[in-house]
């Protein structure tokens, strides 16, 4: 009986070793035809090192099998000391949209993976899921695919074929949400207004997206990218800052305020635009939205 148990344990050990070892030895997926664009400005330069540390830690093939994927960092005037990163200096006086436009016009690939400097990648990138969704987007000629969980779109209808993807309503607010997303570069460029900041683009860009037959989708499960938002309206998220520091990442000079130290001001900055819009209903953007609903387009 003891020998039988030993034989069973030996079989389990060998099988597990082969299975786990095989999984670990599987080569990374080699991606083609997309670039990574990281939106930032010099104001947020203290986030660059933590961002890239966690990006490469959780997506190591970017320095190995996928070292051919271009990575662009948009700054104002500053550089970043990593030859793997191509810095695009938008200029201090330029808008967010101008910086994105400059970056996209340097991109040679059909698609871009849009990220922001405050997206602290929290878990290893699921390359298999990323490839799966990328291939669907390319096959179906989608314009945009949001890759991370977004509760704002949790009730959107599922795609009739791909049940792990939902279709963003044509008239949804924040349809062009600037979360981690695949974009068709040409669509992204067409929706930009060079005077807009990110929040304006999420609002007004969403309205502009209604006028064309664009497909805006969002992943609803098996999200390939999971991250923490390190900043909100220019304030460090205290919990995320502590998480970064616990990982041994030092920020020698911290210029951005921490939300917990300015809780009232941070609350007003975060919620006032939403409250203003809801109480006064004084936004011509959504009047335009209502008019579009009644047009046969």
C-alpha atoms as a PDB file:
ATOM      1  CA  UNK A   1       0.000   0.000   0.000  1.00  0.00           C
ATOM      2  CA  UNK A   2       2.841   2.365   0.892  1.00  0.00           C
ATOM      3  CA  UNK A   3       4.598   1.582  -2.378  1.00  0.00           C
ATOM      4  CA  UNK A   4       1.392   2.271  -4.260  1.00  0.00           C
ATOM      5  CA  UNK A   5       1.051   5.657  -2.566  1.00  0.00           C
ATOM      6  CA  UNK A   6       4.677   6.453  -3.389  1.00  0.00           C
ATOM      7  CA  UNK A   7       4.050   5.553  -7.008  1.00  0.00           C
ATOM      8  CA  UNK A   8       0.990   7.817  -7.119  1.00  0.00           C
ATOM      9  CA  UNK A   9       2.914  10.709  -5.543  1.00  0.00           C
ATOM     10  CA  UNK A  10       5.802  10.194  -7.948  1.00  0.00           C
ATOM     11  CA  UNK A  11       3.391  10.241 -10.895  1.00  0.00           C
ATOM     12  CA  UNK A  12       1.779  13.457  -9.631  1.00  0.00           C
ATOM     13  CA  UNK A  13       5.192  15.061  -9.129  1.00  0.00           C
ATOM     14  CA  UNK A  14       6.424  14.135 -12.617  1.00  0.00           C
ATOM     15  CA  UNK A  15       3.154  15.206 -14.261  1.00  0.00           C
ATOM     16  CA  UNK A  16       3.103  18.511 -12.382  1.00  0.00           C
ATOM     17  CA  UNK A  17       6.731  19.172 -13.223  1.00  0.00           C
ATOM     18  CA  UNK A  18       6.149  18.546 -16.892  1.00  0.00           C
ATOM     19  CA  UNK A  19       2.962  20.635 -16.946  1.00  0.00           C
ATOM     20  CA  UNK A  20       4.292  23.575 -14.951  1.00  0.00           C
ATOM     21  CA  UNK A  21       7.702  23.460 -16.549  1.00  0.00           C
ATOM     22  CA  UNK A  22       6.157  23.339 -19.990  1.00  0.00           C
ATOM     23  CA  UNK A  23       3.984  26.329 -19.174  1.00  0.00           C
ATOM     24  CA  UNK A  24       6.981  28.267 -17.889  1.00  0.00           C
ATOM     25  CA  UNK A  25       9.060  27.410 -20.935  1.00  0.00           C
ATOM     26  CA  UNK A  26       6.420  28.437 -23.429  1.00  0.00           C
ATOM     27  CA  UNK A  27       7.800  31.266 -25.552  1.00  0.00           C
ATOM     28  CA  UNK A  28       6.163  34.637 -25.320  1.00  0.00           C
ATOM     29  CA  UNK A  29       3.756  35.592 -28.051  1.00  0.00           C
ATOM     30  CA  UNK A  30       5.371  37.788 -30.669  1.00  0.00           C
ATOM     31  CA  UNK A  31       3.068  40.690 -31.468  1.00  0.00           C
ATOM     32  CA  UNK A  32       2.936  42.612 -34.712  1.00  0.00           C
ATOM     33  CA  UNK A  33       1.496  45.869 -35.994  1.00  0.00           C
ATOM     34  CA  UNK A  34       0.878  47.850 -32.848  1.00  0.00           C
ATOM     35  CA  UNK A  35       2.846  50.453 -30.925  1.00  0.00           C
ATOM     36  CA  UNK A  36       2.579  51.528 -27.301  1.00  0.00           C
ATOM     37  CA  UNK A  37       1.869  55.211 -26.684  1.00  0.00           C
ATOM     38  CA  UNK A  38       2.237  56.468 -23.102  1.00  0.00           C
ATOM     39  CA  UNK A  39       0.537  59.803 -22.543  1.00  0.00           C
ATOM     40  CA  UNK A  40       2.204  62.133 -20.052  1.00  0.00           C
ATOM     41  CA  UNK A  41       3.702  65.570 -19.473  1.00  0.00           C
ATOM     42  CA  UNK A  42       6.605  66.898 -17.424  1.00  0.00           C
ATOM     43  CA  UNK A  43       4.244  67.667 -14.551  1.00  0.00           C
ATOM     44  CA  UNK A  44       3.940  63.926 -13.949  1.00  0.00           C
ATOM     45  CA  UNK A  45       7.612  63.049 -14.413  1.00  0.00           C
ATOM     46  CA  UNK A  46       7.894  61.481 -10.960  1.00  0.00           C
ATOM     47  CA  UNK A  47       5.578  58.736 -12.230  1.00  0.00           C
ATOM     48  CA  UNK A  48       7.722  57.721 -15.189  1.00  0.00           C
ATOM     49  CA  UNK A  49      10.138  55.486 -13.312  1.00  0.00           C
ATOM     50  CA  UNK A  50       7.416  53.595 -11.365  1.00  0.00           C
ATOM     51  CA  UNK A  51       5.333  53.240 -14.520  1.00  0.00           C
ATOM     52  CA  UNK A  52       8.108  51.714 -16.622  1.00  0.00           C
ATOM     53  CA  UNK A  53       9.392  49.612 -13.741  1.00  0.00           C
ATOM     54  CA  UNK A  54       6.039  47.860 -13.394  1.00  0.00           C
ATOM     55  CA  UNK A  55       5.430  47.752 -17.149  1.00  0.00           C
ATOM     56  CA  UNK A  56       8.656  45.849 -17.851  1.00  0.00           C
ATOM     57  CA  UNK A  57       8.352  43.750 -14.697  1.00  0.00           C
ATOM     58  CA  UNK A  58       4.892  42.538 -15.691  1.00  0.00           C
ATOM     59  CA  UNK A  59       5.548  42.435 -19.427  1.00  0.00           C
ATOM     60  CA  UNK A  60       9.164  41.249 -19.638  1.00  0.00           C
ATOM     61  CA  UNK A  61       8.928  40.211 -23.286  1.00  0.00           C
ATOM     62  CA  UNK A  62       8.954  43.929 -24.165  1.00  0.00           C
ATOM     63  CA  UNK A  63      12.714  43.716 -23.571  1.00  0.00           C
ATOM     64  CA  UNK A  64      13.017  40.282 -25.161  1.00  0.00           C
ATOM     65  CA  UNK A  65      10.844  38.689 -27.848  1.00  0.00           C
ATOM     66  CA  UNK A  66       8.761  41.834 -28.239  1.00  0.00           C
ATOM     67  CA  UNK A  67      11.576  44.350 -28.091  1.00  0.00           C
ATOM     68  CA  UNK A  68      10.534  45.384 -31.608  1.00  0.00           C
ATOM     69  CA  UNK A  69       7.274  46.922 -30.309  1.00  0.00           C
ATOM     70  CA  UNK A  70       7.801  50.701 -30.366  1.00  0.00           C
ATOM     71  CA  UNK A  71       7.180  52.452 -27.042  1.00  0.00           C
ATOM     72  CA  UNK A  72       6.554  56.203 -27.180  1.00  0.00           C
ATOM     73  CA  UNK A  73       6.503  58.470 -24.126  1.00  0.00           C
ATOM     74  CA  UNK A  74       4.940  61.901 -24.596  1.00  0.00           C
ATOM     75  CA  UNK A  75       6.594  64.607 -22.489  1.00  0.00           C
ATOM     76  CA  UNK A  76       6.629  68.400 -22.546  1.00  0.00           C
ATOM     77  CA  UNK A  77      10.354  69.109 -22.887  1.00  0.00           C
ATOM     78  CA  UNK A  78      12.104  66.490 -20.760  1.00  0.00           C
ATOM     79  CA  UNK A  79      13.863  63.277 -21.793  1.00  0.00           C
ATOM     80  CA  UNK A  80      13.762  59.811 -20.250  1.00  0.00           C
ATOM     81  CA  UNK A  81      17.028  57.859 -19.845  1.00  0.00           C
ATOM     82  CA  UNK A  82      16.067  54.511 -21.384  1.00  0.00           C
ATOM     83  CA  UNK A  83      17.027  53.657 -24.986  1.00  0.00           C
ATOM     84  CA  UNK A  84      14.012  51.354 -25.177  1.00  0.00           C
ATOM     85  CA  UNK A  85      11.748  54.407 -24.960  1.00  0.00           C
ATOM     86  CA  UNK A  86      11.228  56.924 -27.760  1.00  0.00           C
ATOM     87  CA  UNK A  87      10.457  60.317 -26.238  1.00  0.00           C
ATOM     88  CA  UNK A  88       8.186  62.721 -28.100  1.00  0.00           C
ATOM     89  CA  UNK A  89       8.465  66.278 -26.771  1.00  0.00           C
ATOM     90  CA  UNK A  90       5.161  68.037 -27.334  1.00  0.00           C
ATOM     91  CA  UNK A  91       6.222  71.396 -25.867  1.00  0.00           C
ATOM     92  CA  UNK A  92       5.171  73.030 -22.617  1.00  0.00           C
ATOM     93  CA  UNK A  93       2.469  75.203 -24.126  1.00  0.00           C
ATOM     94  CA  UNK A  94       0.846  72.481 -26.183  1.00  0.00           C
ATOM     95  CA  UNK A  95      -2.412  70.726 -25.309  1.00  0.00           C
ATOM     96  CA  UNK A  96      -2.830  67.050 -24.499  1.00  0.00           C
ATOM     97  CA  UNK A  97      -4.403  66.470 -27.913  1.00  0.00           C
ATOM     98  CA  UNK A  98      -1.477  68.125 -29.694  1.00  0.00           C
ATOM     99  CA  UNK A  99       0.945  65.798 -27.928  1.00  0.00           C
ATOM    100  CA  UNK A 100      -1.105  62.737 -28.850  1.00  0.00           C
ATOM    101  CA  UNK A 101      -1.367  63.942 -32.429  1.00  0.00           C
ATOM    102  CA  UNK A 102       2.420  64.366 -32.668  1.00  0.00           C
ATOM    103  CA  UNK A 103       2.923  60.866 -31.293  1.00  0.00           C
ATOM    104  CA  UNK A 104       0.377  59.211 -33.556  1.00  0.00           C
ATOM    105  CA  UNK A 105       1.869  60.862 -36.610  1.00  0.00           C
ATOM    106  CA  UNK A 106       5.185  59.193 -35.781  1.00  0.00           C
ATOM    107  CA  UNK A 107       3.605  55.774 -35.292  1.00  0.00           C
ATOM    108  CA  UNK A 108       4.078  53.473 -38.277  1.00  0.00           C
ATOM    109  CA  UNK A 109       1.736  50.704 -37.132  1.00  0.00           C
ATOM    110  CA  UNK A 110      -1.993  50.397 -37.787  1.00  0.00           C
ATOM    111  CA  UNK A 111      -2.911  50.114 -34.110  1.00  0.00           C
ATOM    112  CA  UNK A 112      -1.749  51.720 -30.889  1.00  0.00           C
ATOM    113  CA  UNK A 113      -2.008  50.502 -27.317  1.00  0.00           C
ATOM    114  CA  UNK A 114      -2.835  53.645 -25.360  1.00  0.00           C
ATOM    115  CA  UNK A 115      -1.537  53.892 -21.784  1.00  0.00           C
ATOM    116  CA  UNK A 116      -1.017  56.717 -19.293  1.00  0.00           C
ATOM    117  CA  UNK A 117       1.877  57.294 -16.934  1.00  0.00           C
ATOM    118  CA  UNK A 118      -0.283  56.715 -13.858  1.00  0.00           C
ATOM    119  CA  UNK A 119      -1.349  53.205 -14.913  1.00  0.00           C
ATOM    120  CA  UNK A 120       0.655  51.077 -12.474  1.00  0.00           C
ATOM    121  CA  UNK A 121       0.501  47.562 -13.934  1.00  0.00           C
ATOM    122  CA  UNK A 122      -0.508  45.352 -11.035  1.00  0.00           C
ATOM    123  CA  UNK A 123      -0.351  41.824 -12.458  1.00  0.00           C
ATOM    124  CA  UNK A 124       1.579  40.114 -15.261  1.00  0.00           C
ATOM    125  CA  UNK A 125       0.180  40.985 -18.671  1.00  0.00           C
ATOM    126  CA  UNK A 126      -1.901  38.099 -20.015  1.00  0.00           C
ATOM    127  CA  UNK A 127      -0.324  37.895 -23.451  1.00  0.00           C
ATOM    128  CA  UNK A 128      -2.644  35.113 -24.589  1.00  0.00           C
ATOM    129  CA  UNK A 129      -5.738  37.198 -23.819  1.00  0.00           C
ATOM    130  CA  UNK A 130      -4.097  40.265 -25.315  1.00  0.00           C
ATOM    131  CA  UNK A 131      -3.380  38.415 -28.552  1.00  0.00           C
ATOM    132  CA  UNK A 132      -6.888  36.932 -28.593  1.00  0.00           C
ATOM    133  CA  UNK A 133      -8.573  40.336 -28.316  1.00  0.00           C
ATOM    134  CA  UNK A 134      -6.112  41.987 -30.676  1.00  0.00           C
ATOM    135  CA  UNK A 135      -6.842  39.426 -33.383  1.00  0.00           C
ATOM    136  CA  UNK A 136     -10.600  39.887 -32.949  1.00  0.00           C
ATOM    137  CA  UNK A 137     -10.251  43.638 -33.242  1.00  0.00           C
ATOM    138  CA  UNK A 138      -8.149  43.331 -36.368  1.00  0.00           C
ATOM    139  CA  UNK A 139     -10.415  40.718 -37.947  1.00  0.00           C
ATOM    140  CA  UNK A 140     -13.614  42.677 -37.298  1.00  0.00           C
ATOM    141  CA  UNK A 141     -12.079  46.084 -38.105  1.00  0.00           C
ATOM    142  CA  UNK A 142     -13.060  47.559 -34.746  1.00  0.00           C
ATOM    143  CA  UNK A 143     -12.037  51.137 -34.067  1.00  0.00           C
ATOM    144  CA  UNK A 144     -11.394  50.847 -30.344  1.00  0.00           C
ATOM    145  CA  UNK A 145     -11.199  48.121 -27.712  1.00  0.00           C
ATOM    146  CA  UNK A 146     -10.974  48.985 -24.024  1.00  0.00           C
ATOM    147  CA  UNK A 147      -8.946  46.253 -22.328  1.00  0.00           C
ATOM    148  CA  UNK A 148      -9.541  46.741 -18.622  1.00  0.00           C
ATOM    149  CA  UNK A 149     -12.514  46.583 -16.270  1.00  0.00           C
ATOM    150  CA  UNK A 150     -14.716  49.678 -16.376  1.00  0.00           C
ATOM    151  CA  UNK A 151     -17.839  49.624 -14.196  1.00  0.00           C
ATOM    152  CA  UNK A 152     -19.349  52.487 -16.201  1.00  0.00           C
ATOM    153  CA  UNK A 153     -19.904  50.062 -19.098  1.00  0.00           C
ATOM    154  CA  UNK A 154     -20.811  46.939 -17.103  1.00  0.00           C
ATOM    155  CA  UNK A 155     -24.356  46.835 -18.522  1.00  0.00           C
ATOM    156  CA  UNK A 156     -23.523  47.259 -22.193  1.00  0.00           C
ATOM    157  CA  UNK A 157     -24.859  44.502 -24.513  1.00  0.00           C
ATOM    158  CA  UNK A 158     -22.513  41.650 -25.299  1.00  0.00           C
ATOM    159  CA  UNK A 159     -21.199  41.121 -28.776  1.00  0.00           C
ATOM    160  CA  UNK A 160     -23.355  38.497 -30.567  1.00  0.00           C
ATOM    161  CA  UNK A 161     -20.292  36.410 -31.485  1.00  0.00           C
ATOM    162  CA  UNK A 162     -17.668  37.261 -28.860  1.00  0.00           C
ATOM    163  CA  UNK A 163     -19.335  36.901 -25.486  1.00  0.00           C
ATOM    164  CA  UNK A 164     -16.364  38.322 -23.573  1.00  0.00           C
ATOM    165  CA  UNK A 165     -16.683  41.644 -25.420  1.00  0.00           C
ATOM    166  CA  UNK A 166     -19.423  44.252 -25.011  1.00  0.00           C
ATOM    167  CA  UNK A 167     -20.467  46.896 -27.528  1.00  0.00           C
ATOM    168  CA  UNK A 168     -20.410  50.481 -26.322  1.00  0.00           C
ATOM    169  CA  UNK A 169     -23.630  52.279 -27.146  1.00  0.00           C
ATOM    170  CA  UNK A 170     -23.252  54.832 -29.891  1.00  0.00           C
ATOM    171  CA  UNK A 171     -24.580  57.561 -27.581  1.00  0.00           C
ATOM    172  CA  UNK A 172     -22.723  56.494 -24.428  1.00  0.00           C
ATOM    173  CA  UNK A 173     -20.934  59.125 -22.409  1.00  0.00           C
ATOM    174  CA  UNK A 174     -17.194  58.502 -22.186  1.00  0.00           C
ATOM    175  CA  UNK A 175     -17.348  56.210 -25.194  1.00  0.00           C
ATOM    176  CA  UNK A 176     -13.789  57.300 -25.999  1.00  0.00           C
ATOM    177  CA  UNK A 177     -12.599  56.611 -22.439  1.00  0.00           C
ATOM    178  CA  UNK A 178      -8.842  57.006 -22.084  1.00  0.00           C
ATOM    179  CA  UNK A 179      -8.228  53.770 -20.268  1.00  0.00           C
ATOM    180  CA  UNK A 180      -5.824  51.061 -21.457  1.00  0.00           C
ATOM    181  CA  UNK A 181      -7.148  50.486 -24.964  1.00  0.00           C
ATOM    182  CA  UNK A 182      -6.317  49.377 -28.455  1.00  0.00           C
ATOM    183  CA  UNK A 183      -7.062  52.103 -30.982  1.00  0.00           C
ATOM    184  CA  UNK A 184      -7.152  52.115 -34.738  1.00  0.00           C
ATOM    185  CA  UNK A 185      -4.606  54.904 -35.202  1.00  0.00           C
ATOM    186  CA  UNK A 186      -6.486  56.582 -38.054  1.00  0.00           C
ATOM    187  CA  UNK A 187      -9.715  56.720 -36.011  1.00  0.00           C
ATOM    188  CA  UNK A 188      -7.880  58.136 -32.998  1.00  0.00           C
ATOM    189  CA  UNK A 189      -6.373  60.895 -35.145  1.00  0.00           C
ATOM    190  CA  UNK A 190      -9.728  61.688 -36.760  1.00  0.00           C
ATOM    191  CA  UNK A 191     -11.412  62.246 -33.385  1.00  0.00           C
ATOM    192  CA  UNK A 192      -8.788  64.601 -31.957  1.00  0.00           C
ATOM    193  CA  UNK A 193      -9.347  68.303 -31.461  1.00  0.00           C
ATOM    194  CA  UNK A 194      -5.999  69.962 -30.818  1.00  0.00           C
ATOM    195  CA  UNK A 195      -7.433  72.334 -28.192  1.00  0.00           C
ATOM    196  CA  UNK A 196      -8.741  69.613 -25.868  1.00  0.00           C
ATOM    197  CA  UNK A 197      -7.419  68.136 -22.653  1.00  0.00           C
ATOM    198  CA  UNK A 198      -8.034  64.444 -21.806  1.00  0.00           C
ATOM    199  CA  UNK A 199     -11.323  65.031 -19.993  1.00  0.00           C
ATOM    200  CA  UNK A 200     -12.693  67.161 -22.818  1.00  0.00           C
ATOM    201  CA  UNK A 201     -11.679  64.519 -25.328  1.00  0.00           C
ATOM    202  CA  UNK A 202     -13.536  61.828 -23.387  1.00  0.00           C
ATOM    203  CA  UNK A 203     -16.670  63.981 -23.569  1.00  0.00           C
ATOM    204  CA  UNK A 204     -16.517  65.721 -26.919  1.00  0.00           C
ATOM    205  CA  UNK A 205     -14.627  62.933 -28.644  1.00  0.00           C
ATOM    206  CA  UNK A 206     -17.438  60.587 -27.661  1.00  0.00           C
ATOM    207  CA  UNK A 207     -19.932  62.836 -29.450  1.00  0.00           C
ATOM    208  CA  UNK A 208     -17.733  63.092 -32.527  1.00  0.00           C
ATOM    209  CA  UNK A 209     -17.515  59.298 -32.598  1.00  0.00           C
ATOM    210  CA  UNK A 210     -21.299  59.107 -33.115  1.00  0.00           C
ATOM    211  CA  UNK A 211     -21.085  60.601 -36.577  1.00  0.00           C
ATOM    212  CA  UNK A 212     -19.267  57.687 -38.172  1.00  0.00           C
ATOM    213  CA  UNK A 213     -19.895  53.972 -38.219  1.00  0.00           C
ATOM    214  CA  UNK A 214     -17.159  53.288 -35.686  1.00  0.00           C
ATOM    215  CA  UNK A 215     -17.130  50.140 -33.558  1.00  0.00           C
ATOM    216  CA  UNK A 216     -16.259  50.879 -29.935  1.00  0.00           C
ATOM    217  CA  UNK A 217     -15.953  47.776 -27.760  1.00  0.00           C
ATOM    218  CA  UNK A 218     -14.883  46.854 -24.245  1.00  0.00           C
ATOM    219  CA  UNK A 219     -13.550  43.615 -22.774  1.00  0.00           C
ATOM    220  CA  UNK A 220     -15.916  42.289 -20.099  1.00  0.00           C
ATOM    221  CA  UNK A 221     -13.909  39.330 -18.776  1.00  0.00           C
ATOM    222  CA  UNK A 222     -10.422  37.864 -18.970  1.00  0.00           C
ATOM    223  CA  UNK A 223      -8.952  41.364 -18.973  1.00  0.00           C
ATOM    224  CA  UNK A 224      -5.371  41.182 -20.243  1.00  0.00           C
ATOM    225  CA  UNK A 225      -4.204  44.313 -18.399  1.00  0.00           C
ATOM    226  CA  UNK A 226      -4.862  45.047 -14.718  1.00  0.00           C
ATOM    227  CA  UNK A 227      -3.532  48.238 -13.197  1.00  0.00           C
ATOM    228  CA  UNK A 228      -3.882  50.711 -10.354  1.00  0.00           C
ATOM    229  CA  UNK A 229      -4.605  54.385 -11.008  1.00  0.00           C
ATOM    230  CA  UNK A 230      -1.818  56.247  -9.250  1.00  0.00           C
ATOM    231  CA  UNK A 231      -3.175  59.760  -9.792  1.00  0.00           C
ATOM    232  CA  UNK A 232      -6.475  61.578 -10.039  1.00  0.00           C
ATOM    233  CA  UNK A 233      -6.745  65.228 -11.093  1.00  0.00           C
ATOM    234  CA  UNK A 234      -3.077  65.796 -10.249  1.00  0.00           C
ATOM    235  CA  UNK A 235      -3.141  64.133  -6.828  1.00  0.00           C
ATOM    236  CA  UNK A 236      -1.306  60.979  -5.809  1.00  0.00           C
ATOM    237  CA  UNK A 237      -3.552  58.142  -4.674  1.00  0.00           C
ATOM    238  CA  UNK A 238      -2.083  57.566  -1.239  1.00  0.00           C
ATOM    239  CA  UNK A 239      -2.735  53.805  -1.241  1.00  0.00           C
ATOM    240  CA  UNK A 240      -1.045  53.343  -4.626  1.00  0.00           C
ATOM    241  CA  UNK A 241       1.893  55.514  -3.583  1.00  0.00           C
ATOM    242  CA  UNK A 242       2.385  53.299  -0.526  1.00  0.00           C
ATOM    243  CA  UNK A 243       2.158  50.197  -2.721  1.00  0.00           C
ATOM    244  CA  UNK A 244       4.887  51.570  -5.008  1.00  0.00           C
ATOM    245  CA  UNK A 245       7.110  52.371  -2.045  1.00  0.00           C
ATOM    246  CA  UNK A 246       6.559  48.915  -0.546  1.00  0.00           C
ATOM    247  CA  UNK A 247       7.902  47.447  -3.798  1.00  0.00           C
ATOM    248  CA  UNK A 248      11.157  49.284  -3.113  1.00  0.00           C
ATOM    249  CA  UNK A 249      10.611  51.967  -5.750  1.00  0.00           C
ATOM    250  CA  UNK A 250      11.925  55.289  -4.542  1.00  0.00           C
ATOM    251  CA  UNK A 251      10.655  58.641  -5.762  1.00  0.00           C
ATOM    252  CA  UNK A 252      13.562  60.978  -4.938  1.00  0.00           C
ATOM    253  CA  UNK A 253      11.660  64.224  -5.521  1.00  0.00           C
ATOM    254  CA  UNK A 254       7.897  64.156  -5.064  1.00  0.00           C
ATOM    255  CA  UNK A 255       6.145  67.247  -6.388  1.00  0.00           C
ATOM    256  CA  UNK A 256       2.547  66.113  -6.730  1.00  0.00           C
ATOM    257  CA  UNK A 257       0.325  66.435  -3.640  1.00  0.00           C
ATOM    258  CA  UNK A 258      -1.213  63.378  -1.972  1.00  0.00           C
ATOM    259  CA  UNK A 259      -4.992  63.096  -1.947  1.00  0.00           C
ATOM    260  CA  UNK A 260      -5.253  62.381   1.795  1.00  0.00           C
ATOM    261  CA  UNK A 261      -3.452  65.644   2.621  1.00  0.00           C
ATOM    262  CA  UNK A 262      -5.901  67.713   0.581  1.00  0.00           C
ATOM    263  CA  UNK A 263      -9.054  65.655   0.839  1.00  0.00           C
ATOM    264  CA  UNK A 264     -11.577  68.500   0.492  1.00  0.00           C
ATOM    265  CA  UNK A 265      -9.843  70.137  -2.499  1.00  0.00           C
ATOM    266  CA  UNK A 266      -9.374  66.747  -4.147  1.00  0.00           C
ATOM    267  CA  UNK A 267     -13.051  65.879  -3.595  1.00  0.00           C
ATOM    268  CA  UNK A 268     -14.162  69.174  -5.155  1.00  0.00           C
ATOM    269  CA  UNK A 269     -11.874  68.721  -8.171  1.00  0.00           C
ATOM    270  CA  UNK A 270     -13.026  65.150  -8.656  1.00  0.00           C
ATOM    271  CA  UNK A 271     -16.782  65.561  -8.186  1.00  0.00           C
ATOM    272  CA  UNK A 272     -17.602  69.195  -8.934  1.00  0.00           C
ATOM    273  CA  UNK A 273     -17.702  68.795 -12.746  1.00  0.00           C
ATOM    274  CA  UNK A 274     -20.101  65.862 -12.418  1.00  0.00           C
ATOM    275  CA  UNK A 275     -22.344  67.613  -9.875  1.00  0.00           C
ATOM    276  CA  UNK A 276     -22.392  70.806 -11.940  1.00  0.00           C
ATOM    277  CA  UNK A 277     -23.425  68.920 -15.025  1.00  0.00           C
ATOM    278  CA  UNK A 278     -26.142  66.928 -13.263  1.00  0.00           C
ATOM    279  CA  UNK A 279     -27.701  69.809 -11.303  1.00  0.00           C
ATOM    280  CA  UNK A 280     -27.611  72.564 -13.924  1.00  0.00           C
ATOM    281  CA  UNK A 281     -27.852  70.432 -17.051  1.00  0.00           C
ATOM    282  CA  UNK A 282     -25.863  73.162 -18.724  1.00  0.00           C
ATOM    283  CA  UNK A 283     -23.771  71.297 -21.231  1.00  0.00           C
ATOM    284  CA  UNK A 284     -24.427  71.869 -24.912  1.00  0.00           C
ATOM    285  CA  UNK A 285     -22.485  68.688 -25.603  1.00  0.00           C
ATOM    286  CA  UNK A 286     -25.384  66.490 -24.573  1.00  0.00           C
ATOM    287  CA  UNK A 287     -27.910  68.816 -26.216  1.00  0.00           C
ATOM    288  CA  UNK A 288     -26.029  68.050 -29.396  1.00  0.00           C
ATOM    289  CA  UNK A 289     -26.195  64.375 -28.415  1.00  0.00           C
ATOM    290  CA  UNK A 290     -29.990  64.604 -28.143  1.00  0.00           C
ATOM    291  CA  UNK A 291     -30.241  66.207 -31.546  1.00  0.00           C
ATOM    292  CA  UNK A 292     -28.130  63.487 -33.105  1.00  0.00           C
ATOM    293  CA  UNK A 293     -30.454  60.846 -31.680  1.00  0.00           C
ATOM    294  CA  UNK A 294     -33.271  62.227 -33.798  1.00  0.00           C
ATOM    295  CA  UNK A 295     -31.309  62.197 -37.003  1.00  0.00           C
ATOM    296  CA  UNK A 296     -31.286  59.140 -39.212  1.00  0.00           C
ATOM    297  CA  UNK A 297     -27.535  58.640 -39.294  1.00  0.00           C
END
